[in-house]
Amino acid sequence: MLSLIIPVYRNEASIPELLAELQGLHQALAGALELVFVVDGSPDRCHELLRTLLPRTGLDATLVLLTRNFGAFAAVRMGLEQARGDTFAVMAADLQEPPELVLQMQAELARGQADVVVAERTLRHDPLLQRWQAQLFWAAYRRWVVPEMPPGGVDIFACNRAFRDALLGLGESRSSLIAQIFWLGFRRASVPYERQPRRHGQSAWTWRKKLAYLADSVFAFTDLPVRLLTRVGALGLLVAGVLGAVVLFGKLSGLIGVPGYAMTLIAILFFGALNLFSLGIVGTYAWRAYENTKQRPQAVALRVDRFQSH
């Protein structure tokens, strides 16, 4: 049986169409489908609507309501924990990823040649500005975090039970679920697809969330900040050495009659700023290490409803 995890946030308008598409998916899989909806503290009527409509569909479904908005990746992890299938897939509730993509990923898993299948975007039917932002974001992600990330990025995936268990075993917070998928290794395959235009509402994936996600990924999976700090420090030492040599030459040659405060002040400001920058980097790593020692759950379910197929 395939367990399909669907995080839900501000998707009230798309739920009727989503359920209709999922009924077609249920038929295509001959009923071997379990749905796991995780309502991620959505402020609209998503949970109420799903509780009303799901029993009428005859689908085997689990509806999870989180106590607040924990974020999409925490919602996916909660769905993976609740799922009872043999294979697992994730799709968005906004229908920008076509539901038949789930069938393609499931077919790849059924071949037995891959433990995880990622959906690789080859084209986006989004507004120009959103496409440009996405290209910039994923280019930075490929450059600094996961070099093997497809150029179009990855949001949804499917996996077998062994991979699911290994993924849930990574209990760290303030991390990146997608980067963890690539970090784990295993046998990986990809399925190309075209991202469809958004049918309802606006994306909740804002630039602020993108930058926070990129920062989490950088600090969790690379030593880029430390290497950057080392290079800045080396450059600072070089600049200080050159300035010191210039001042010494001027003093010995009589070009500087009375020592001034300018160079001293510049040196103090430069190394003071460098020291503060260093403390910020070290403090960021220390905070994230502290966060991981708390062993807090990454999401908390307020309510779980199960609906049996008939």
C-alpha atoms as a PDB file:
ATOM      1  CA  MET A   1       0.000   0.000   0.000  1.00  0.00           C
ATOM      2  CA  LEU A   2       1.129   3.527  -0.806  1.00  0.00           C
ATOM      3  CA  SER A   3       0.821   6.190   1.887  1.00  0.00           C
ATOM      4  CA  LEU A   4       0.459   9.647   0.383  1.00  0.00           C
ATOM      5  CA  ILE A   5       1.367  12.515   2.729  1.00  0.00           C
ATOM      6  CA  ILE A   6      -0.210  15.892   1.956  1.00  0.00           C
ATOM      7  CA  PRO A   7       0.722  18.921   4.098  1.00  0.00           C
ATOM      8  CA  VAL A   8      -2.091  21.475   4.117  1.00  0.00           C
ATOM      9  CA  TYR A   9      -1.742  25.209   4.772  1.00  0.00           C
ATOM     10  CA  ARG A  10      -4.063  27.887   3.375  1.00  0.00           C
ATOM     11  CA  ASN A  11      -5.452  25.464   0.777  1.00  0.00           C
ATOM     12  CA  GLU A  12      -9.175  25.691   1.569  1.00  0.00           C
ATOM     13  CA  ALA A  13     -10.138  26.661  -1.991  1.00  0.00           C
ATOM     14  CA  SER A  14      -8.309  23.735  -3.600  1.00  0.00           C
ATOM     15  CA  ILE A  15      -9.572  20.947  -1.310  1.00  0.00           C
ATOM     16  CA  PRO A  16     -12.671  19.907  -3.337  1.00  0.00           C
ATOM     17  CA  GLU A  17     -10.591  19.598  -6.526  1.00  0.00           C
ATOM     18  CA  LEU A  18      -7.807  17.855  -4.604  1.00  0.00           C
ATOM     19  CA  LEU A  19     -10.176  15.202  -3.245  1.00  0.00           C
ATOM     20  CA  ALA A  20     -11.603  14.602  -6.717  1.00  0.00           C
ATOM     21  CA  GLU A  21      -8.082  14.071  -8.088  1.00  0.00           C
ATOM     22  CA  LEU A  22      -7.234  11.751  -5.206  1.00  0.00           C
ATOM     23  CA  GLN A  23     -10.274   9.591  -5.902  1.00  0.00           C
ATOM     24  CA  GLY A  24      -8.958   9.076  -9.413  1.00  0.00           C
ATOM     25  CA  LEU A  25      -5.566   8.201  -7.956  1.00  0.00           C
ATOM     26  CA  HIS A  26      -7.257   5.726  -5.591  1.00  0.00           C
ATOM     27  CA  GLN A  27      -8.857   3.970  -8.552  1.00  0.00           C
ATOM     28  CA  ALA A  28      -5.583   3.899 -10.511  1.00  0.00           C
ATOM     29  CA  LEU A  29      -3.895   2.160  -7.575  1.00  0.00           C
ATOM     30  CA  ALA A  30      -6.761  -0.342  -7.225  1.00  0.00           C
ATOM     31  CA  GLY A  31      -7.536   0.949  -3.747  1.00  0.00           C
ATOM     32  CA  ALA A  32      -4.028   0.396  -2.373  1.00  0.00           C
ATOM     33  CA  LEU A  33      -3.770   3.990  -1.188  1.00  0.00           C
ATOM     34  CA  GLU A  34      -3.719   5.595   2.232  1.00  0.00           C
ATOM     35  CA  LEU A  35      -4.006   9.377   2.492  1.00  0.00           C
ATOM     36  CA  VAL A  36      -2.398  11.298   5.343  1.00  0.00           C
ATOM     37  CA  PHE A  37      -3.437  14.951   5.514  1.00  0.00           C
ATOM     38  CA  VAL A  38      -1.457  17.118   7.924  1.00  0.00           C
ATOM     39  CA  VAL A  39      -3.087  20.495   8.572  1.00  0.00           C
ATOM     40  CA  ASP A  40      -0.150  22.678   9.605  1.00  0.00           C
ATOM     41  CA  GLY A  41      -1.952  25.171  11.838  1.00  0.00           C
ATOM     42  CA  SER A  42      -3.752  26.649   8.848  1.00  0.00           C
ATOM     43  CA  PRO A  43      -5.804  29.768   9.732  1.00  0.00           C
ATOM     44  CA  ASP A  44      -8.565  28.969   7.214  1.00  0.00           C
ATOM     45  CA  ARG A  45     -11.206  26.204   7.246  1.00  0.00           C
ATOM     46  CA  CYS A  46      -8.990  23.445   5.830  1.00  0.00           C
ATOM     47  CA  HIS A  47      -9.352  21.101   8.786  1.00  0.00           C
ATOM     48  CA  GLU A  48     -13.111  21.613   9.150  1.00  0.00           C
ATOM     49  CA  LEU A  49     -13.626  21.075   5.431  1.00  0.00           C
ATOM     50  CA  LEU A  50     -11.535  17.900   5.333  1.00  0.00           C
ATOM     51  CA  ARG A  51     -13.304  16.469   8.393  1.00  0.00           C
ATOM     52  CA  THR A  52     -16.615  17.015   6.619  1.00  0.00           C
ATOM     53  CA  LEU A  53     -15.682  15.802   3.127  1.00  0.00           C
ATOM     54  CA  LEU A  54     -13.306  12.903   3.773  1.00  0.00           C
ATOM     55  CA  PRO A  55     -15.944  10.487   5.199  1.00  0.00           C
ATOM     56  CA  ARG A  56     -18.016  11.034   2.036  1.00  0.00           C
ATOM     57  CA  THR A  57     -15.186  10.048  -0.309  1.00  0.00           C
ATOM     58  CA  GLY A  58     -14.831   6.480   0.892  1.00  0.00           C
ATOM     59  CA  LEU A  59     -11.050   6.915   0.963  1.00  0.00           C
ATOM     60  CA  ASP A  60      -8.743   5.406   3.585  1.00  0.00           C
ATOM     61  CA  ALA A  61      -7.448   8.588   5.195  1.00  0.00           C
ATOM     62  CA  THR A  62      -5.819   9.998   8.305  1.00  0.00           C
ATOM     63  CA  LEU A  63      -6.350  13.652   9.170  1.00  0.00           C
ATOM     64  CA  VAL A  64      -3.807  15.248  11.503  1.00  0.00           C
ATOM     65  CA  LEU A  65      -4.229  18.723  12.975  1.00  0.00           C
ATOM     66  CA  LEU A  66      -1.059  20.312  14.359  1.00  0.00           C
ATOM     67  CA  THR A  67      -1.244  22.607  17.368  1.00  0.00           C
ATOM     68  CA  ARG A  68       0.304  25.492  15.387  1.00  0.00           C
ATOM     69  CA  ASN A  69       2.163  26.224  12.172  1.00  0.00           C
ATOM     70  CA  PHE A  70       5.405  24.239  12.406  1.00  0.00           C
ATOM     71  CA  GLY A  71       6.356  24.505   8.731  1.00  0.00           C
ATOM     72  CA  ALA A  72       5.892  22.283   5.689  1.00  0.00           C
ATOM     73  CA  PHE A  73       8.828  19.958   6.376  1.00  0.00           C
ATOM     74  CA  ALA A  74       7.799  19.335   9.973  1.00  0.00           C
ATOM     75  CA  ALA A  75       4.303  18.548   8.673  1.00  0.00           C
ATOM     76  CA  VAL A  76       5.756  16.059   6.181  1.00  0.00           C
ATOM     77  CA  ARG A  77       7.707  14.343   8.954  1.00  0.00           C
ATOM     78  CA  MET A  78       4.558  14.098  11.056  1.00  0.00           C
ATOM     79  CA  GLY A  79       2.754  12.551   8.085  1.00  0.00           C
ATOM     80  CA  LEU A  80       5.544  10.017   7.580  1.00  0.00           C
ATOM     81  CA  GLU A  81       5.292   9.069  11.260  1.00  0.00           C
ATOM     82  CA  GLN A  82       1.529   8.538  11.018  1.00  0.00           C
ATOM     83  CA  ALA A  83       1.629   6.621   7.722  1.00  0.00           C
ATOM     84  CA  ARG A  84       1.113   2.841   7.738  1.00  0.00           C
ATOM     85  CA  GLY A  85       1.938   1.900   4.150  1.00  0.00           C
ATOM     86  CA  ASP A  86       4.795  -0.013   2.560  1.00  0.00           C
ATOM     87  CA  THR A  87       5.857   2.874   0.339  1.00  0.00           C
ATOM     88  CA  PHE A  88       5.439   6.594   0.908  1.00  0.00           C
ATOM     89  CA  ALA A  89       5.015   9.675  -1.247  1.00  0.00           C
ATOM     90  CA  VAL A  90       4.586  13.394  -0.644  1.00  0.00           C
ATOM     91  CA  MET A  91       2.579  15.841  -2.718  1.00  0.00           C
ATOM     92  CA  ALA A  92       1.408  19.430  -2.274  1.00  0.00           C
ATOM     93  CA  ALA A  93      -2.230  20.328  -1.708  1.00  0.00           C
ATOM     94  CA  ASP A  94      -2.201  23.170  -4.256  1.00  0.00           C
ATOM     95  CA  LEU A  95      -2.191  20.751  -7.253  1.00  0.00           C
ATOM     96  CA  GLN A  96       0.796  22.470  -8.885  1.00  0.00           C
ATOM     97  CA  GLU A  97       2.423  19.036  -8.916  1.00  0.00           C
ATOM     98  CA  PRO A  98       0.169  16.782 -11.037  1.00  0.00           C
ATOM     99  CA  PRO A  99      -1.252  13.812  -9.081  1.00  0.00           C
ATOM    100  CA  GLU A 100      -0.169  11.391 -11.821  1.00  0.00           C
ATOM    101  CA  LEU A 101       3.377  12.204 -10.747  1.00  0.00           C
ATOM    102  CA  VAL A 102       2.686  10.052  -7.670  1.00  0.00           C
ATOM    103  CA  LEU A 103       1.971   7.107  -9.974  1.00  0.00           C
ATOM    104  CA  GLN A 104       5.250   7.651 -11.810  1.00  0.00           C
ATOM    105  CA  MET A 105       7.247   7.754  -8.581  1.00  0.00           C
ATOM    106  CA  GLN A 106       5.444   4.669  -7.284  1.00  0.00           C
ATOM    107  CA  ALA A 107       6.239   2.834 -10.531  1.00  0.00           C
ATOM    108  CA  GLU A 108       9.939   3.679 -10.095  1.00  0.00           C
ATOM    109  CA  LEU A 109       9.888   2.289  -6.566  1.00  0.00           C
ATOM    110  CA  ALA A 110       8.067  -0.853  -7.748  1.00  0.00           C
ATOM    111  CA  ARG A 111      10.936  -1.607 -10.130  1.00  0.00           C
ATOM    112  CA  GLY A 112      13.145  -2.205  -7.096  1.00  0.00           C
ATOM    113  CA  GLN A 113      16.040  -0.185  -8.477  1.00  0.00           C
ATOM    114  CA  ALA A 114      15.639   2.812  -6.165  1.00  0.00           C
ATOM    115  CA  ASP A 115      14.936   3.465  -2.486  1.00  0.00           C
ATOM    116  CA  VAL A 116      13.928   7.086  -2.998  1.00  0.00           C
ATOM    117  CA  VAL A 117      12.529   8.907  -6.032  1.00  0.00           C
ATOM    118  CA  VAL A 118      12.628  12.695  -6.281  1.00  0.00           C
ATOM    119  CA  ALA A 119      10.436  14.738  -8.616  1.00  0.00           C
ATOM    120  CA  GLU A 120      12.644  17.008 -10.706  1.00  0.00           C
ATOM    121  CA  ARG A 121      11.060  20.209 -12.016  1.00  0.00           C
ATOM    122  CA  THR A 122      12.035  20.861 -15.625  1.00  0.00           C
ATOM    123  CA  LEU A 123       9.637  23.747 -16.265  1.00  0.00           C
ATOM    124  CA  ARG A 124       7.549  26.151 -14.181  1.00  0.00           C
ATOM    125  CA  HIS A 125       4.273  27.691 -15.324  1.00  0.00           C
ATOM    126  CA  ASP A 126       4.608  30.497 -12.794  1.00  0.00           C
ATOM    127  CA  PRO A 127       4.768  34.298 -13.171  1.00  0.00           C
ATOM    128  CA  LEU A 128       8.101  35.587 -14.458  1.00  0.00           C
ATOM    129  CA  LEU A 129       9.180  37.082 -11.126  1.00  0.00           C
ATOM    130  CA  GLN A 130       8.474  33.845  -9.258  1.00  0.00           C
ATOM    131  CA  ARG A 131      10.429  31.843 -11.847  1.00  0.00           C
ATOM    132  CA  TRP A 132      13.380  34.215 -11.518  1.00  0.00           C
ATOM    133  CA  GLN A 133      13.279  33.998  -7.717  1.00  0.00           C
ATOM    134  CA  ALA A 134      13.113  30.200  -7.843  1.00  0.00           C
ATOM    135  CA  GLN A 135      16.057  29.989 -10.238  1.00  0.00           C
ATOM    136  CA  LEU A 136      18.125  32.266  -8.008  1.00  0.00           C
ATOM    137  CA  PHE A 137      17.203  30.338  -4.872  1.00  0.00           C
ATOM    138  CA  TRP A 138      17.979  26.880  -6.256  1.00  0.00           C
ATOM    139  CA  ALA A 139      21.186  28.090  -7.894  1.00  0.00           C
ATOM    140  CA  ALA A 140      22.372  29.272  -4.475  1.00  0.00           C
ATOM    141  CA  TYR A 141      21.225  25.978  -2.957  1.00  0.00           C
ATOM    142  CA  ARG A 142      23.194  23.966  -5.521  1.00  0.00           C
ATOM    143  CA  ARG A 143      26.250  26.177  -5.054  1.00  0.00           C
ATOM    144  CA  TRP A 144      26.386  26.181  -1.268  1.00  0.00           C
ATOM    145  CA  VAL A 145      24.406  23.203   0.074  1.00  0.00           C
ATOM    146  CA  VAL A 146      23.682  20.239  -2.245  1.00  0.00           C
ATOM    147  CA  PRO A 147      25.680  20.278  -5.509  1.00  0.00           C
ATOM    148  CA  GLU A 148      23.710  17.296  -6.890  1.00  0.00           C
ATOM    149  CA  MET A 149      20.391  19.090  -6.446  1.00  0.00           C
ATOM    150  CA  PRO A 150      18.535  19.312  -9.812  1.00  0.00           C
ATOM    151  CA  PRO A 151      18.566  22.849 -11.281  1.00  0.00           C
ATOM    152  CA  GLY A 152      14.796  23.173 -10.836  1.00  0.00           C
ATOM    153  CA  GLY A 153      14.898  22.040  -7.215  1.00  0.00           C
ATOM    154  CA  VAL A 154      12.982  19.299  -5.403  1.00  0.00           C
ATOM    155  CA  ASP A 155       9.857  19.597  -3.249  1.00  0.00           C
ATOM    156  CA  ILE A 156       8.183  16.179  -3.421  1.00  0.00           C
ATOM    157  CA  PHE A 157       9.505  12.638  -3.288  1.00  0.00           C
ATOM    158  CA  ALA A 158       8.581   8.997  -2.750  1.00  0.00           C
ATOM    159  CA  CYS A 159      10.478   6.326  -0.827  1.00  0.00           C
ATOM    160  CA  ASN A 160      10.345   2.808   0.562  1.00  0.00           C
ATOM    161  CA  ARG A 161      10.078   1.898   4.230  1.00  0.00           C
ATOM    162  CA  ALA A 162      13.827   1.519   4.783  1.00  0.00           C
ATOM    163  CA  PHE A 163      14.460   5.050   3.552  1.00  0.00           C
ATOM    164  CA  ARG A 164      11.490   6.430   5.508  1.00  0.00           C
ATOM    165  CA  ASP A 165      12.806   4.904   8.731  1.00  0.00           C
ATOM    166  CA  ALA A 166      16.306   6.271   8.115  1.00  0.00           C
ATOM    167  CA  LEU A 167      14.913   9.733   7.359  1.00  0.00           C
ATOM    168  CA  LEU A 168      12.811   9.804  10.536  1.00  0.00           C
ATOM    169  CA  GLY A 169      15.896   8.692  12.460  1.00  0.00           C
ATOM    170  CA  LEU A 170      17.458  12.083  11.734  1.00  0.00           C
ATOM    171  CA  GLY A 171      15.868  13.943  14.624  1.00  0.00           C
ATOM    172  CA  GLU A 172      17.716  17.234  14.255  1.00  0.00           C
ATOM    173  CA  SER A 173      15.694  20.440  14.202  1.00  0.00           C
ATOM    174  CA  ARG A 174      16.405  23.610  12.190  1.00  0.00           C
ATOM    175  CA  SER A 175      17.523  21.490   9.278  1.00  0.00           C
ATOM    176  CA  SER A 176      16.412  20.765   5.708  1.00  0.00           C
ATOM    177  CA  LEU A 177      14.343  17.700   4.879  1.00  0.00           C
ATOM    178  CA  ILE A 178      15.311  17.898   1.201  1.00  0.00           C
ATOM    179  CA  ALA A 179      19.026  18.170   2.006  1.00  0.00           C
ATOM    180  CA  GLN A 180      18.639  15.197   4.369  1.00  0.00           C
ATOM    181  CA  ILE A 181      17.217  13.146   1.490  1.00  0.00           C
ATOM    182  CA  PHE A 182      20.374  13.741  -0.542  1.00  0.00           C
ATOM    183  CA  TRP A 183      22.674  13.382   2.467  1.00  0.00           C
ATOM    184  CA  LEU A 184      21.279   9.938   3.354  1.00  0.00           C
ATOM    185  CA  GLY A 185      22.380   8.438   0.060  1.00  0.00           C
ATOM    186  CA  PHE A 186      20.640   5.130  -0.735  1.00  0.00           C
ATOM    187  CA  ARG A 187      19.677   4.340  -4.328  1.00  0.00           C
ATOM    188  CA  ARG A 188      18.081   7.437  -5.820  1.00  0.00           C
ATOM    189  CA  ALA A 189      16.091   7.992  -9.013  1.00  0.00           C
ATOM    190  CA  SER A 190      14.348  11.055 -10.420  1.00  0.00           C
ATOM    191  CA  VAL A 191      11.153  11.701 -12.378  1.00  0.00           C
ATOM    192  CA  PRO A 192      10.903  14.894 -14.481  1.00  0.00           C
ATOM    193  CA  TYR A 193       7.728  16.965 -14.525  1.00  0.00           C
ATOM    194  CA  GLU A 194       6.363  20.406 -15.357  1.00  0.00           C
ATOM    195  CA  ARG A 195       5.043  22.501 -12.492  1.00  0.00           C
ATOM    196  CA  GLN A 196       1.443  23.529 -13.224  1.00  0.00           C
ATOM    197  CA  PRO A 197      -0.046  27.016 -12.771  1.00  0.00           C
ATOM    198  CA  ARG A 198      -1.490  27.688  -9.349  1.00  0.00           C
ATOM    199  CA  ARG A 199      -5.278  27.299  -9.441  1.00  0.00           C
ATOM    200  CA  HIS A 200      -6.241  28.982  -6.177  1.00  0.00           C
ATOM    201  CA  GLY A 201      -4.781  31.564  -3.818  1.00  0.00           C
ATOM    202  CA  GLN A 202      -1.162  32.587  -3.429  1.00  0.00           C
ATOM    203  CA  SER A 203       1.880  30.641  -2.366  1.00  0.00           C
ATOM    204  CA  ALA A 204       2.820  30.809   1.323  1.00  0.00           C
ATOM    205  CA  TRP A 205       6.449  30.189   0.320  1.00  0.00           C
ATOM    206  CA  THR A 206       7.641  33.785   0.799  1.00  0.00           C
ATOM    207  CA  TRP A 207      11.144  35.182   0.341  1.00  0.00           C
ATOM    208  CA  ARG A 208      11.511  35.386   4.126  1.00  0.00           C
ATOM    209  CA  LYS A 209      10.805  31.663   4.420  1.00  0.00           C
ATOM    210  CA  LYS A 210      13.139  30.895   1.526  1.00  0.00           C
ATOM    211  CA  LEU A 211      16.023  32.804   3.108  1.00  0.00           C
ATOM    212  CA  ALA A 212      15.391  31.154   6.489  1.00  0.00           C
ATOM    213  CA  TYR A 213      15.318  27.737   4.800  1.00  0.00           C
ATOM    214  CA  LEU A 214      18.548  28.477   2.921  1.00  0.00           C
ATOM    215  CA  ALA A 215      20.225  29.621   6.151  1.00  0.00           C
ATOM    216  CA  ASP A 216      19.095  26.464   7.973  1.00  0.00           C
ATOM    217  CA  SER A 217      20.459  24.340   5.143  1.00  0.00           C
ATOM    218  CA  VAL A 218      23.803  26.172   5.010  1.00  0.00           C
ATOM    219  CA  PHE A 219      24.432  25.945   8.745  1.00  0.00           C
ATOM    220  CA  ALA A 220      23.216  22.337   8.972  1.00  0.00           C
ATOM    221  CA  PHE A 221      25.030  20.841   5.978  1.00  0.00           C
ATOM    222  CA  THR A 222      28.083  22.929   5.107  1.00  0.00           C
ATOM    223  CA  ASP A 223      31.037  24.623   6.760  1.00  0.00           C
ATOM    224  CA  LEU A 224      30.707  27.586   4.393  1.00  0.00           C
ATOM    225  CA  PRO A 225      30.357  30.217   7.173  1.00  0.00           C
ATOM    226  CA  VAL A 226      33.487  28.911   8.891  1.00  0.00           C
ATOM    227  CA  ARG A 227      35.451  28.873   5.646  1.00  0.00           C
ATOM    228  CA  LEU A 228      34.186  32.362   4.826  1.00  0.00           C
ATOM    229  CA  LEU A 229      35.237  33.578   8.265  1.00  0.00           C
ATOM    230  CA  THR A 230      38.698  32.055   7.832  1.00  0.00           C
ATOM    231  CA  ARG A 231      39.166  33.782   4.496  1.00  0.00           C
ATOM    232  CA  VAL A 232      37.956  37.118   5.835  1.00  0.00           C
ATOM    233  CA  GLY A 233      40.301  36.748   8.776  1.00  0.00           C
ATOM    234  CA  ALA A 234      43.216  35.954   6.472  1.00  0.00           C
ATOM    235  CA  LEU A 235      42.366  38.979   4.327  1.00  0.00           C
ATOM    236  CA  GLY A 236      42.158  41.119   7.456  1.00  0.00           C
ATOM    237  CA  LEU A 237      45.615  40.006   8.558  1.00  0.00           C
ATOM    238  CA  LEU A 238      46.967  40.770   5.100  1.00  0.00           C
ATOM    239  CA  VAL A 239      45.419  44.247   5.074  1.00  0.00           C
ATOM    240  CA  ALA A 240      46.685  44.921   8.593  1.00  0.00           C
ATOM    241  CA  GLY A 241      50.177  43.776   7.594  1.00  0.00           C
ATOM    242  CA  VAL A 242      50.239  46.025   4.528  1.00  0.00           C
ATOM    243  CA  LEU A 243      48.967  49.030   6.474  1.00  0.00           C
ATOM    244  CA  GLY A 244      51.490  48.363   9.213  1.00  0.00           C
ATOM    245  CA  ALA A 245      54.306  48.218   6.666  1.00  0.00           C
ATOM    246  CA  VAL A 246      53.165  51.501   5.086  1.00  0.00           C
ATOM    247  CA  VAL A 247      53.019  53.254   8.452  1.00  0.00           C
ATOM    248  CA  LEU A 248      56.441  51.879   9.464  1.00  0.00           C
ATOM    249  CA  PHE A 249      57.970  53.003   6.175  1.00  0.00           C
ATOM    250  CA  GLY A 250      56.455  56.451   6.563  1.00  0.00           C
ATOM    251  CA  LYS A 251      57.718  56.729  10.104  1.00  0.00           C
ATOM    252  CA  LEU A 252      61.256  55.639   9.259  1.00  0.00           C
ATOM    253  CA  SER A 253      61.436  57.876   6.177  1.00  0.00           C
ATOM    254  CA  GLY A 254      60.149  60.898   8.044  1.00  0.00           C
ATOM    255  CA  LEU A 255      56.960  61.172   6.024  1.00  0.00           C
ATOM    256  CA  ILE A 256      54.946  60.835   9.217  1.00  0.00           C
ATOM    257  CA  GLY A 257      56.123  63.410  11.688  1.00  0.00           C
ATOM    258  CA  VAL A 258      53.484  63.068  14.358  1.00  0.00           C
ATOM    259  CA  PRO A 259      51.703  59.763  14.787  1.00  0.00           C
ATOM    260  CA  GLY A 260      47.987  60.208  14.185  1.00  0.00           C
ATOM    261  CA  TYR A 261      44.987  58.343  15.334  1.00  0.00           C
ATOM    262  CA  ALA A 262      43.523  57.514  11.923  1.00  0.00           C
ATOM    263  CA  MET A 263      45.338  54.242  11.316  1.00  0.00           C
ATOM    264  CA  THR A 264      44.873  53.144  14.906  1.00  0.00           C
ATOM    265  CA  LEU A 265      41.164  53.859  14.731  1.00  0.00           C
ATOM    266  CA  ILE A 266      40.813  52.037  11.397  1.00  0.00           C
ATOM    267  CA  ALA A 267      42.605  48.997  12.791  1.00  0.00           C
ATOM    268  CA  ILE A 268      40.435  48.973  15.926  1.00  0.00           C
ATOM    269  CA  LEU A 269      37.229  49.255  13.912  1.00  0.00           C
ATOM    270  CA  PHE A 270      38.278  46.607  11.419  1.00  0.00           C
ATOM    271  CA  PHE A 271      39.298  43.998  13.959  1.00  0.00           C
ATOM    272  CA  GLY A 272      36.405  44.881  16.235  1.00  0.00           C
ATOM    273  CA  ALA A 273      33.978  44.232  13.387  1.00  0.00           C
ATOM    274  CA  LEU A 274      35.809  41.030  12.500  1.00  0.00           C
ATOM    275  CA  ASN A 275      35.591  39.890  16.112  1.00  0.00           C
ATOM    276  CA  LEU A 276      31.848  40.559  16.254  1.00  0.00           C
ATOM    277  CA  PHE A 277      31.351  38.722  12.952  1.00  0.00           C
ATOM    278  CA  SER A 278      33.304  35.773  14.314  1.00  0.00           C
ATOM    279  CA  LEU A 279      31.238  35.693  17.488  1.00  0.00           C
ATOM    280  CA  GLY A 280      28.058  35.766  15.391  1.00  0.00           C
ATOM    281  CA  ILE A 281      29.132  32.754  13.336  1.00  0.00           C
ATOM    282  CA  VAL A 282      30.281  30.758  16.358  1.00  0.00           C
ATOM    283  CA  GLY A 283      27.152  31.763  18.259  1.00  0.00           C
ATOM    284  CA  THR A 284      24.925  30.554  15.419  1.00  0.00           C
ATOM    285  CA  TYR A 285      26.524  27.113  15.450  1.00  0.00           C
ATOM    286  CA  ALA A 286      26.377  26.987  19.255  1.00  0.00           C
ATOM    287  CA  TRP A 287      22.666  27.889  19.222  1.00  0.00           C
ATOM    288  CA  ARG A 288      21.857  25.221  16.655  1.00  0.00           C
ATOM    289  CA  ALA A 289      23.811  22.633  18.634  1.00  0.00           C
ATOM    290  CA  TYR A 290      21.861  23.669  21.721  1.00  0.00           C
ATOM    291  CA  GLU A 291      18.574  23.378  19.808  1.00  0.00           C
ATOM    292  CA  ASN A 292      19.409  19.807  18.824  1.00  0.00           C
ATOM    293  CA  THR A 293      20.231  18.815  22.411  1.00  0.00           C
ATOM    294  CA  LYS A 294      16.695  19.706  23.526  1.00  0.00           C
ATOM    295  CA  GLN A 295      15.217  16.720  21.653  1.00  0.00           C
ATOM    296  CA  ARG A 296      11.901  18.506  21.252  1.00  0.00           C
ATOM    297  CA  PRO A 297       9.366  17.005  18.819  1.00  0.00           C
ATOM    298  CA  GLN A 298       9.428  18.799  15.490  1.00  0.00           C
ATOM    299  CA  ALA A 299       5.625  18.996  15.425  1.00  0.00           C
ATOM    300  CA  VAL A 300       2.803  18.320  17.876  1.00  0.00           C
ATOM    301  CA  ALA A 301      -0.545  16.880  16.787  1.00  0.00           C
ATOM    302  CA  LEU A 302      -3.645  18.360  18.382  1.00  0.00           C
ATOM    303  CA  ARG A 303      -6.021  15.838  16.832  1.00  0.00           C
ATOM    304  CA  VAL A 304      -5.821  12.733  14.619  1.00  0.00           C
ATOM    305  CA  ASP A 305      -8.890  11.384  12.786  1.00  0.00           C
ATOM    306  CA  ARG A 306      -8.887   8.192  10.713  1.00  0.00           C
ATOM    307  CA  PHE A 307     -11.429   7.450   7.990  1.00  0.00           C
ATOM    308  CA  GLN A 308     -11.744   3.916   6.592  1.00  0.00           C
ATOM    309  CA  SER A 309     -12.405   3.157   2.941  1.00  0.00           C
ATOM    310  CA  HIS A 310     -15.639   1.393   2.021  1.00  0.00           C
END
